[in-house]
C-alpha atoms as a PDB file:
ATOM      1  CA  MET A   1     -66.590 -38.458 -17.379  1.00  0.00           C
ATOM      2  CA  THR A   2     -66.686 -37.785 -21.166  1.00  0.00           C
ATOM      3  CA  ARG A   3     -69.213 -39.521 -23.491  1.00  0.00           C
ATOM      4  CA  THR A   4     -66.240 -41.460 -24.983  1.00  0.00           C
ATOM      5  CA  ALA A   5     -65.099 -42.598 -21.586  1.00  0.00           C
ATOM      6  CA  ARG A   6     -68.698 -43.592 -20.529  1.00  0.00           C
ATOM      7  CA  ILE A   7     -69.126 -45.645 -23.822  1.00  0.00           C
ATOM      8  CA  ALA A   8     -65.848 -47.493 -23.120  1.00  0.00           C
ATOM      9  CA  ALA A   9     -66.618 -48.115 -19.537  1.00  0.00           C
ATOM     10  CA  THR A  10     -70.039 -49.753 -20.739  1.00  0.00           C
ATOM     11  CA  ARG A  11     -68.468 -51.742 -23.306  1.00  0.00           C
ATOM     12  CA  THR A  12     -65.834 -53.044 -20.781  1.00  0.00           C
ATOM     13  CA  GLU A  13     -68.632 -53.830 -18.253  1.00  0.00           C
ATOM     14  CA  ARG A  14     -70.418 -55.826 -21.237  1.00  0.00           C
ATOM     15  CA  PHE A  15     -67.369 -57.723 -22.092  1.00  0.00           C
ATOM     16  CA  ALA A  16     -66.742 -58.524 -18.381  1.00  0.00           C
ATOM     17  CA  LEU A  17     -70.401 -59.713 -18.064  1.00  0.00           C
ATOM     18  CA  ALA A  18     -70.222 -61.682 -21.385  1.00  0.00           C
ATOM     19  CA  ALA A  19     -66.937 -63.388 -20.051  1.00  0.00           C
ATOM     20  CA  ARG A  20     -68.757 -64.431 -16.778  1.00  0.00           C
ATOM     21  CA  ILE A  21     -71.811 -65.892 -18.442  1.00  0.00           C
ATOM     22  CA  PRO A  22     -70.000 -68.849 -20.123  1.00  0.00           C
ATOM     23  CA  ALA A  23     -68.219 -69.643 -16.886  1.00  0.00           C
ATOM     24  CA  THR A  24     -71.580 -69.423 -14.981  1.00  0.00           C
ATOM     25  CA  LEU A  25     -73.455 -71.484 -17.677  1.00  0.00           C
ATOM     26  CA  LEU A  26     -70.732 -74.119 -17.663  1.00  0.00           C
ATOM     27  CA  SER A  27     -70.721 -74.586 -13.984  1.00  0.00           C
ATOM     28  CA  THR A  28     -74.593 -74.638 -13.972  1.00  0.00           C
ATOM     29  CA  LEU A  29     -74.480 -77.298 -16.742  1.00  0.00           C
ATOM     30  CA  LEU A  30     -72.050 -79.442 -14.745  1.00  0.00           C
ATOM     31  CA  ALA A  31     -73.927 -79.265 -11.515  1.00  0.00           C
ATOM     32  CA  VAL A  32     -77.158 -80.228 -13.456  1.00  0.00           C
ATOM     33  CA  CYS A  33     -75.377 -83.094 -15.273  1.00  0.00           C
ATOM     34  CA  SER A  34     -73.816 -84.282 -12.026  1.00  0.00           C
ATOM     35  CA  HIS A  35     -77.218 -84.152 -10.325  1.00  0.00           C
ATOM     36  CA  ALA A  36     -78.783 -85.958 -13.281  1.00  0.00           C
ATOM     37  CA  GLN A  37     -76.172 -88.738 -13.140  1.00  0.00           C
ATOM     38  CA  THR A  38     -76.803 -89.384  -9.449  1.00  0.00           C
ATOM     39  CA  THR A  39     -80.501 -89.251  -9.704  1.00  0.00           C
ATOM     40  CA  GLN A  40     -80.786 -91.677 -12.695  1.00  0.00           C
ATOM     41  CA  ARG A  41     -79.875 -94.666 -10.352  1.00  0.00           C
ATOM     42  CA  LEU A  42     -82.786 -96.643  -8.962  1.00  0.00           C
ATOM     43  CA  VAL A  43     -82.487 -97.415  -5.409  1.00  0.00           C
ATOM     44  CA  VAL A  44     -83.032-101.262  -4.751  1.00  0.00           C
ATOM     45  CA  THR A  45     -82.736-103.804  -2.004  1.00  0.00           C
ATOM     46  CA  GLU A  46     -82.018-106.612  -4.481  1.00  0.00           C
ATOM     47  CA  ILE A  47     -80.711-106.773  -7.932  1.00  0.00           C
ATOM     48  CA  ARG A  48     -83.939-108.520  -9.531  1.00  0.00           C
ATOM     49  CA  PRO A  49     -85.636-105.272 -10.467  1.00  0.00           C
ATOM     50  CA  LEU A  50     -82.511-103.923 -12.354  1.00  0.00           C
ATOM     51  CA  LEU A  51     -82.358-107.184 -14.272  1.00  0.00           C
ATOM     52  CA  THR A  52     -85.981-107.050 -15.157  1.00  0.00           C
ATOM     53  CA  LEU A  53     -85.666-103.439 -16.409  1.00  0.00           C
ATOM     54  CA  ALA A  54     -82.553-104.363 -18.416  1.00  0.00           C
ATOM     55  CA  VAL A  55     -84.445-107.288 -20.256  1.00  0.00           C
ATOM     56  CA  GLU A  56     -87.406-104.643 -20.982  1.00  0.00           C
ATOM     57  CA  HIS A  57     -85.464-101.601 -21.849  1.00  0.00           C
ATOM     58  CA  GLY A  58     -81.942-102.622 -22.682  1.00  0.00           C
ATOM     59  CA  ALA A  59     -80.298-101.189 -19.600  1.00  0.00           C
ATOM     60  CA  SER A  60     -80.646-100.176 -15.936  1.00  0.00           C
ATOM     61  CA  ARG A  61     -78.752 -98.338 -13.465  1.00  0.00           C
ATOM     62  CA  GLY A  62     -79.026 -98.600  -9.551  1.00  0.00           C
ATOM     63  CA  VAL A  63     -77.726 -98.386  -6.141  1.00  0.00           C
ATOM     64  CA  LEU A  64     -78.054-101.121  -3.657  1.00  0.00           C
ATOM     65  CA  THR A  65     -79.431-100.460  -0.286  1.00  0.00           C
ATOM     66  CA  GLY A  66     -80.885-102.230   2.736  1.00  0.00           C
ATOM     67  CA  ALA A  67     -79.508-105.380   4.531  1.00  0.00           C
ATOM     68  CA  GLY A  68     -77.656-106.703   1.362  1.00  0.00           C
ATOM     69  CA  ALA A  69     -75.772-103.416   1.080  1.00  0.00           C
ATOM     70  CA  ASN A  70     -74.999-103.324   4.737  1.00  0.00           C
ATOM     71  CA  TYR A  71     -73.587-106.868   4.658  1.00  0.00           C
ATOM     72  CA  VAL A  72     -71.258-106.089   1.752  1.00  0.00           C
ATOM     73  CA  ARG A  73     -70.046-102.709   3.385  1.00  0.00           C
ATOM     74  CA  ARG A  74     -69.112-104.543   6.571  1.00  0.00           C
ATOM     75  CA  ARG A  75     -67.680-107.540   4.979  1.00  0.00           C
ATOM     76  CA  PHE A  76     -65.451-105.310   2.700  1.00  0.00           C
ATOM     77  CA  ASP A  77     -64.974-102.344   5.145  1.00  0.00           C
ATOM     78  CA  ALA A  78     -66.273-100.007   2.676  1.00  0.00           C
ATOM     79  CA  ALA A  79     -68.896 -97.189   3.313  1.00  0.00           C
ATOM     80  CA  ALA A  80     -69.320 -96.174  -0.341  1.00  0.00           C
ATOM     81  CA  PRO A  81     -72.475 -96.847  -2.234  1.00  0.00           C
ATOM     82  CA  ILE A  82     -72.681-100.131  -4.297  1.00  0.00           C
ATOM     83  CA  GLU A  83     -73.423 -98.961  -7.778  1.00  0.00           C
ATOM     84  CA  ILE A  84     -75.047-101.628 -10.265  1.00  0.00           C
ATOM     85  CA  ASP A  85     -75.243-101.225 -13.995  1.00  0.00           C
ATOM     86  CA  VAL A  86     -76.965-103.851 -16.044  1.00  0.00           C
ATOM     87  CA  THR A  87     -76.851-104.067 -19.836  1.00  0.00           C
ATOM     88  CA  ARG A  88     -78.784-106.392 -22.300  1.00  0.00           C
ATOM     89  CA  LEU A  89     -76.226-108.030 -24.534  1.00  0.00           C
ATOM     90  CA  HIS A  90     -78.654-109.794 -26.635  1.00  0.00           C
ATOM     91  CA  ASP A  91     -82.077-111.448 -26.695  1.00  0.00           C
ATOM     92  CA  LEU A  92     -82.331-115.292 -26.206  1.00  0.00           C
ATOM     93  CA  PRO A  93     -84.597-117.565 -28.215  1.00  0.00           C
ATOM     94  CA  GLN A  94     -86.668-118.137 -24.998  1.00  0.00           C
ATOM     95  CA  HIS A  95     -89.494-115.469 -25.179  1.00  0.00           C
ATOM     96  CA  ASN A  96     -88.667-112.253 -23.014  1.00  0.00           C
ATOM     97  CA  CYS A  97     -85.347-113.511 -21.958  1.00  0.00           C
ATOM     98  CA  ALA A  98     -82.021-111.939 -22.625  1.00  0.00           C
ATOM     99  CA  ARG A  99     -78.317-112.133 -21.807  1.00  0.00           C
ATOM    100  CA  LEU A 100     -77.339-109.588 -19.426  1.00  0.00           C
ATOM    101  CA  GLU A 101     -73.918-108.087 -18.276  1.00  0.00           C
ATOM    102  CA  VAL A 102     -73.948-107.017 -14.625  1.00  0.00           C
ATOM    103  CA  VAL A 103     -71.255-104.472 -13.426  1.00  0.00           C
ATOM    104  CA  THR A 104     -71.021-103.849  -9.700  1.00  0.00           C
ATOM    105  CA  ARG A 105     -68.730-101.080  -8.475  1.00  0.00           C
ATOM    106  CA  GLN A 106     -67.793 -99.823  -4.932  1.00  0.00           C
ATOM    107  CA  ARG A 107     -65.258 -96.932  -4.272  1.00  0.00           C
ATOM    108  CA  ASP A 108     -62.511 -96.938  -1.575  1.00  0.00           C
ATOM    109  CA  VAL A 109     -62.438-100.769  -0.885  1.00  0.00           C
ATOM    110  CA  PRO A 110     -59.429-102.024   1.004  1.00  0.00           C
ATOM    111  CA  GLU A 111     -57.213-104.614  -0.951  1.00  0.00           C
ATOM    112  CA  HIS A 112     -53.759-105.509  -0.111  1.00  0.00           C
ATOM    113  CA  GLY A 113     -53.317-102.830   2.436  1.00  0.00           C
ATOM    114  CA  LYS A 114     -54.483-100.155   0.058  1.00  0.00           C
ATOM    115  CA  ARG A 115     -57.793 -98.629  -0.829  1.00  0.00           C
ATOM    116  CA  ALA A 116     -59.073 -98.652  -4.370  1.00  0.00           C
ATOM    117  CA  ASP A 117     -62.119 -98.616  -6.365  1.00  0.00           C
ATOM    118  CA  GLN A 118     -63.410-102.053  -7.187  1.00  0.00           C
ATOM    119  CA  GLU A 119     -65.408-103.512 -10.002  1.00  0.00           C
ATOM    120  CA  LEU A 120     -66.986-106.951 -10.583  1.00  0.00           C
ATOM    121  CA  ARG A 121     -68.282-107.993 -14.064  1.00  0.00           C
ATOM    122  CA  TRP A 122     -70.533-110.946 -14.589  1.00  0.00           C
ATOM    123  CA  GLN A 123     -73.151-112.364 -16.982  1.00  0.00           C
ATOM    124  CA  VAL A 124     -76.459-113.911 -16.404  1.00  0.00           C
ATOM    125  CA  SER A 125     -79.269-115.160 -18.770  1.00  0.00           C
ATOM    126  CA  PHE A 126     -82.520-113.717 -17.303  1.00  0.00           C
ATOM    127  CA  CYS A 127     -86.274-113.424 -18.235  1.00  0.00           C
ATOM    128  CA  ARG A 128     -88.732-110.633 -17.636  1.00  0.00           C
ATOM    129  CA  ASP A 129     -90.945-112.988 -15.414  1.00  0.00           C
ATOM    130  CA  GLY A 130     -87.893-113.084 -12.766  1.00  0.00           C
ATOM    131  CA  THR A 131     -86.607-116.550 -13.733  1.00  0.00           C
ATOM    132  CA  LEU A 132     -83.265-117.542 -15.081  1.00  0.00           C
ATOM    133  CA  ALA A 133     -83.273-118.502 -18.713  1.00  0.00           C
ATOM    134  CA  GLY A 134     -83.463-122.255 -19.004  1.00  0.00           C
ATOM    135  CA  GLU A 135     -85.046-122.813 -15.636  1.00  0.00           C
ATOM    136  CA  GLU A 136     -88.226-125.042 -15.921  1.00  0.00           C
END
């Protein structure tokens, strides 16, 4: 092999390697981001800890487990995890209380003979001490 042929072969190998790096990097980033998304959800057996965290920090994300989750799964014939996202909409005049929006999601829930993802949105006024705002 001539010197020119070796240089050309080396350049081709470098370009081939350089072309693979972004693809490998991208797939690694996607895997890390996907893992980060799933690990950021707090595992809870009731919703109250997520409400408290949202009052304190503005938002919280969790996945429901335990008896409550088992009941919902049996009731709606769906095995997918029950994800809960809580967002603080605004503070209330009552100290350490806020208006929160709660979004629950579950995939593959049967409805009208078909399976589809379901989402329920609702709001609650909640205080950091665990009480509903306005309770005495």
